[in-house]
N, C-alpha and C. Protein backbone atom coordinates (compact mmCIF):
# COMPACT_ATOMS: atom_id res chain seq x y z
N UNK A 1 20.64 -25.76 18.75
CA UNK A 1 20.27 -24.50 18.14
C UNK A 1 20.39 -23.32 18.84
N UNK A 2 21.15 -22.32 18.48
CA UNK A 2 21.56 -21.14 19.13
C UNK A 2 20.03 -20.19 19.31
N UNK A 3 20.50 -19.18 20.36
CA UNK A 3 19.50 -18.26 20.54
C UNK A 3 18.62 -17.44 19.28
N UNK A 4 19.71 -17.32 18.71
CA UNK A 4 19.06 -16.33 17.20
C UNK A 4 18.30 -17.30 16.46
N UNK A 5 18.66 -18.77 16.35
CA UNK A 5 17.83 -19.55 15.55
C UNK A 5 16.51 -19.87 16.29
N UNK A 6 16.36 -19.87 17.65
CA UNK A 6 15.34 -19.87 18.25
C UNK A 6 14.31 -18.76 18.20
N UNK A 7 14.91 -17.64 18.09
CA UNK A 7 14.09 -16.36 17.70
C UNK A 7 13.44 -16.44 16.45
N UNK A 8 14.15 -17.02 15.44
CA UNK A 8 13.83 -17.16 13.92
C UNK A 8 12.41 -17.93 14.07
N UNK A 9 12.17 -18.89 15.03
CA UNK A 9 10.96 -19.62 14.96
C UNK A 9 9.69 -18.53 15.44
N UNK A 10 10.09 -17.71 16.25
CA UNK A 10 9.05 -16.59 16.76
C UNK A 10 7.99 -16.05 15.75
N UNK A 11 7.07 -15.78 16.35
CA UNK A 11 5.86 -14.94 15.36
C UNK A 11 5.50 -13.73 16.05
N UNK A 12 5.58 -12.67 15.35
CA UNK A 12 5.22 -11.28 16.18
C UNK A 12 3.82 -10.80 15.50
N UNK A 13 3.10 -10.02 16.26
CA UNK A 13 2.00 -9.26 15.35
C UNK A 13 2.24 -7.86 15.55
N UNK A 14 1.98 -6.85 15.16
CA UNK A 14 1.64 -5.58 15.39
C UNK A 14 0.79 -5.32 16.53
N UNK A 15 1.11 -4.33 17.37
CA UNK A 15 0.17 -3.83 18.37
C UNK A 15 -1.03 -3.26 17.73
N UNK A 16 -2.46 -3.68 18.15
CA UNK A 16 -3.41 -2.72 17.36
C UNK A 16 -3.39 -1.36 17.69
N UNK A 17 -2.66 -0.72 18.58
CA UNK A 17 -2.78 0.67 18.96
C UNK A 17 -1.58 1.34 17.96
N UNK A 18 -0.95 0.65 17.17
CA UNK A 18 0.14 1.40 16.33
C UNK A 18 -0.66 1.61 14.83
N UNK A 19 -0.70 2.75 14.52
CA UNK A 19 -1.20 3.34 13.16
C UNK A 19 0.05 3.61 12.16
N UNK A 20 0.29 2.84 11.30
CA UNK A 20 1.12 3.14 10.09
C UNK A 20 0.67 3.97 8.93
N UNK A 21 1.46 5.11 8.48
CA UNK A 21 0.92 5.98 7.26
C UNK A 21 2.19 6.10 6.34
N UNK A 22 1.96 6.00 5.20
CA UNK A 22 2.98 6.42 4.06
C UNK A 22 2.72 7.73 3.72
N UNK A 23 3.84 8.44 3.66
CA UNK A 23 3.64 9.71 3.38
C UNK A 23 4.69 10.18 2.45
N UNK A 24 4.70 10.36 1.04
CA UNK A 24 5.92 10.99 0.38
C UNK A 24 7.19 9.63 0.47
N UNK A 25 6.68 8.55 0.17
CA UNK A 25 7.74 7.53 0.18
C UNK A 25 8.49 7.27 1.48
N UNK A 26 7.83 7.59 2.43
CA UNK A 26 8.22 7.17 3.76
C UNK A 26 7.01 6.67 4.70
N UNK A 27 7.28 5.56 5.37
CA UNK A 27 6.12 5.11 6.19
C UNK A 27 6.70 5.51 7.78
N UNK A 28 5.72 6.07 8.47
CA UNK A 28 5.78 6.50 9.84
C UNK A 28 4.69 5.54 10.57
N UNK A 29 5.07 5.38 11.69
CA UNK A 29 4.65 4.60 12.86
C UNK A 29 4.13 5.52 13.96
N UNK A 30 2.75 5.43 14.41
CA UNK A 30 2.57 6.45 15.43
C UNK A 30 1.70 5.64 16.38
N UNK A 31 1.98 5.38 17.57
CA UNK A 31 1.34 4.76 18.77
C UNK A 31 0.14 5.77 19.25
N UNK A 32 -0.96 4.98 19.12
CA UNK A 32 -2.29 5.81 19.80
C UNK A 32 -2.47 5.20 21.32
N UNK A 33 -2.47 6.15 22.20
CA UNK A 33 -2.89 5.75 23.63
C UNK A 33 -4.33 6.48 23.82
N UNK A 34 -5.09 5.69 23.95
CA UNK A 34 -6.50 6.40 24.34
C UNK A 34 -7.41 6.59 22.87
N UNK A 35 -7.46 7.97 22.98
CA UNK A 35 -7.97 8.66 21.78
C UNK A 35 -6.82 9.58 21.16
N UNK A 36 -5.61 9.73 21.70
CA UNK A 36 -4.56 10.42 21.49
C UNK A 36 -3.34 9.78 20.89
N UNK A 37 -2.56 10.43 19.94
CA UNK A 37 -1.62 9.92 19.31
C UNK A 37 -0.28 10.34 20.19
N UNK A 38 0.59 9.43 20.26
CA UNK A 38 1.74 9.67 21.05
C UNK A 38 2.73 10.19 20.12
N UNK A 39 2.92 11.82 19.84
CA UNK A 39 3.63 12.29 18.70
C UNK A 39 5.09 12.35 19.37
N UNK A 40 5.45 12.04 20.62
CA UNK A 40 6.53 11.90 21.16
C UNK A 40 7.38 10.87 20.58
N UNK A 41 6.66 9.91 20.05
CA UNK A 41 7.11 8.19 19.80
C UNK A 41 6.86 8.07 18.27
N UNK A 42 7.04 9.03 17.43
CA UNK A 42 6.68 8.75 15.99
C UNK A 42 8.12 7.77 15.32
N UNK A 43 7.76 6.87 14.57
CA UNK A 43 8.72 6.03 14.26
C UNK A 43 8.71 6.07 12.62
N UNK A 44 9.74 6.57 11.87
CA UNK A 44 10.15 6.29 10.44
C UNK A 44 10.81 5.19 10.00
N UNK A 45 10.22 4.52 8.98
CA UNK A 45 10.90 3.19 8.69
C UNK A 45 11.55 3.45 7.58
N UNK A 46 12.94 2.76 7.23
CA UNK A 46 13.60 2.53 5.98
C UNK A 46 12.73 1.54 5.22
N UNK A 47 13.25 1.37 3.87
CA UNK A 47 12.56 0.37 3.02
C UNK A 47 12.68 -0.98 3.80
N UNK A 48 13.83 -1.49 4.12
CA UNK A 48 13.93 -2.71 4.81
C UNK A 48 12.68 -2.97 6.01
N UNK A 49 12.81 -1.95 6.87
CA UNK A 49 11.87 -2.08 8.00
C UNK A 49 10.46 -1.86 7.38
N UNK A 50 10.10 -1.05 6.73
CA UNK A 50 8.82 -1.12 5.95
C UNK A 50 8.34 -2.73 5.64
N UNK A 51 9.35 -3.17 4.77
CA UNK A 51 9.07 -4.49 4.10
C UNK A 51 8.62 -5.48 5.61
N UNK A 52 9.62 -5.56 6.23
CA UNK A 52 9.43 -6.41 7.46
C UNK A 52 8.08 -6.08 8.32
N UNK A 53 7.99 -4.69 8.49
CA UNK A 53 6.55 -4.21 9.01
C UNK A 53 5.27 -4.72 8.46
N UNK A 54 5.31 -4.61 7.09
CA UNK A 54 4.32 -5.28 6.40
C UNK A 54 3.96 -6.79 6.36
N UNK A 55 5.30 -7.54 6.44
CA UNK A 55 5.20 -8.96 6.63
C UNK A 55 4.54 -9.32 7.99
N UNK A 56 4.67 -8.25 8.70
CA UNK A 56 4.08 -8.73 10.18
C UNK A 56 2.63 -8.91 10.18
N UNK A 57 1.80 -8.42 9.11
CA UNK A 57 0.32 -8.64 8.88
C UNK A 57 0.10 -10.19 8.84
N UNK A 58 0.95 -10.75 8.50
CA UNK A 58 0.83 -12.11 7.96
C UNK A 58 1.01 -13.26 9.16
N UNK A 59 1.63 -12.87 10.09
CA UNK A 59 1.88 -13.57 11.30
C UNK A 59 2.61 -14.69 11.23
N UNK A 60 3.64 -14.52 10.05
CA UNK A 60 4.68 -15.70 9.78
C UNK A 60 5.91 -15.72 10.96
N UNK A 61 6.53 -16.91 10.94
CA UNK A 61 7.86 -16.69 11.60
C UNK A 61 8.84 -15.95 11.11
N UNK A 62 9.64 -15.53 11.89
CA UNK A 62 10.62 -14.61 11.54
C UNK A 62 11.75 -15.10 10.31
N UNK A 63 11.74 -16.42 10.51
CA UNK A 63 12.61 -17.24 9.69
C UNK A 63 12.18 -17.09 8.02
N UNK A 64 10.63 -16.86 8.16
CA UNK A 64 10.17 -16.59 6.65
C UNK A 64 10.40 -15.33 6.11
N UNK A 65 10.20 -14.54 7.09
CA UNK A 65 10.55 -13.04 6.72
C UNK A 65 12.06 -13.07 6.34
N UNK A 66 12.83 -13.46 7.01
CA UNK A 66 14.10 -13.30 6.77
C UNK A 66 14.59 -14.18 5.23
N UNK A 67 14.14 -15.00 5.02
CA UNK A 67 14.24 -15.62 3.38
C UNK A 67 13.84 -14.70 2.57
N UNK A 68 12.95 -13.92 2.63
CA UNK A 68 12.27 -13.05 1.35
C UNK A 68 13.42 -11.50 1.59
N UNK A 69 14.10 -11.50 2.46
CA UNK A 69 14.84 -10.03 2.46
C UNK A 69 15.91 -10.06 1.47
N UNK A 70 16.75 -10.96 1.46
CA UNK A 70 17.61 -11.10 0.43
C UNK A 70 16.97 -11.03 -1.22
N UNK A 71 16.08 -11.39 -1.35
CA UNK A 71 15.48 -11.55 -2.59
C UNK A 71 14.83 -10.21 -2.82
N UNK A 72 14.21 -9.76 -2.01
CA UNK A 72 13.61 -8.45 -2.54
C UNK A 72 14.57 -7.14 -2.52
N UNK A 73 15.81 -7.17 -1.62
CA UNK A 73 16.66 -6.02 -1.55
C UNK A 73 18.10 -6.37 -2.01
N UNK A 74 18.34 -7.60 -2.60
CA UNK A 74 19.47 -7.95 -3.02
C UNK A 74 20.75 -7.73 -2.15
N UNK A 75 20.59 -8.29 -0.80
CA UNK A 75 21.59 -8.18 -0.09
C UNK A 75 21.98 -9.58 0.46
N UNK A 76 23.34 -9.90 0.90
CA UNK A 76 23.54 -11.16 1.62
C UNK A 76 22.67 -11.69 2.97
N UNK A 77 22.80 -12.93 3.02
CA UNK A 77 21.83 -13.56 4.21
C UNK A 77 22.36 -12.67 5.60
N UNK A 78 23.50 -12.69 5.82
CA UNK A 78 23.91 -12.17 7.16
C UNK A 78 23.46 -10.51 7.43
N UNK A 79 23.66 -9.86 6.13
CA UNK A 79 23.05 -8.33 6.10
C UNK A 79 21.58 -8.44 6.52
N UNK A 80 20.96 -9.33 5.86
CA UNK A 80 19.47 -9.32 6.21
C UNK A 80 19.02 -9.74 7.56
N UNK A 81 19.93 -10.80 8.13
CA UNK A 81 19.64 -11.05 9.31
C UNK A 81 19.93 -10.35 10.38
N UNK A 82 20.87 -9.52 10.32
CA UNK A 82 21.09 -8.24 11.32
C UNK A 82 20.20 -7.05 11.16
N UNK A 83 19.79 -6.98 9.93
CA UNK A 83 18.55 -5.76 9.82
C UNK A 83 17.36 -6.18 10.26
N UNK A 84 17.01 -7.72 10.40
CA UNK A 84 15.63 -8.13 10.85
C UNK A 84 15.78 -8.00 12.20
N UNK A 85 16.92 -8.64 12.87
CA UNK A 85 16.90 -8.66 14.47
C UNK A 85 17.00 -7.38 14.98
N UNK A 86 17.65 -6.19 14.30
CA UNK A 86 17.76 -4.74 14.73
C UNK A 86 16.39 -4.26 14.58
N UNK A 87 15.53 -4.54 13.83
CA UNK A 87 14.31 -3.90 13.80
C UNK A 87 13.51 -4.47 14.68
N UNK A 88 13.42 -6.01 14.68
CA UNK A 88 12.50 -6.53 15.73
C UNK A 88 12.73 -6.03 17.00
N UNK A 89 14.29 -6.08 17.33
CA UNK A 89 14.60 -5.61 18.77
C UNK A 89 14.19 -4.34 19.09
N UNK A 90 14.08 -3.39 18.15
CA UNK A 90 14.10 -2.06 18.25
C UNK A 90 12.31 -2.03 18.52
N UNK A 91 11.57 -2.72 17.69
CA UNK A 91 10.17 -2.70 17.75
C UNK A 91 9.70 -3.02 19.26
N UNK A 92 10.37 -4.20 19.44
CA UNK A 92 10.22 -5.05 20.95
C UNK A 92 10.27 -3.79 22.19
N UNK A 93 11.36 -3.21 22.08
CA UNK A 93 11.94 -2.11 23.08
C UNK A 93 10.79 -1.09 23.06
N UNK A 94 10.37 -0.72 21.91
CA UNK A 94 9.39 0.54 21.83
C UNK A 94 8.03 -0.11 22.04
N UNK A 95 7.77 -1.40 22.19
CA UNK A 95 6.42 -1.88 22.53
C UNK A 95 5.54 -1.78 21.15
N UNK A 96 6.01 -2.07 20.28
CA UNK A 96 5.14 -1.94 18.99
C UNK A 96 4.67 -3.24 18.53
N UNK A 97 5.40 -4.18 18.81
CA UNK A 97 5.16 -5.78 18.76
C UNK A 97 4.53 -6.42 19.89
N UNK A 98 3.81 -7.69 19.78
CA UNK A 98 3.84 -8.53 20.89
C UNK A 98 4.00 -9.90 20.00
N UNK A 99 4.37 -10.89 20.67
CA UNK A 99 4.87 -12.08 20.53
C UNK A 99 3.74 -13.04 20.36
N UNK A 100 3.45 -13.84 19.19
CA UNK A 100 2.09 -14.68 19.15
C UNK A 100 2.65 -15.99 19.34
N UNK A 101 3.76 -16.56 18.94
CA UNK A 101 4.63 -17.72 19.13
C UNK A 101 5.75 -17.83 19.41
């Protein structure tokens, strides 16, 4: 099992201090620190990222999310895999997620 296969077994959840809002067909993420929004770190999600973000509510393994992306967006599995890993890595780097399993 390679590193990416191991990563697919992991489960992540959204950090509680991240607020998401849909505005005019766009989803944005805003980190809240204390009682203030960190307006310097607002994130805008494309449709695939928005789909993944919403699936993180269910605390399912990344491999289950990966299985759903090609069906939802009519893309090949490799593209779905790349999109998933890029989004998860970006979220981890921005401290938007925490690992559950």
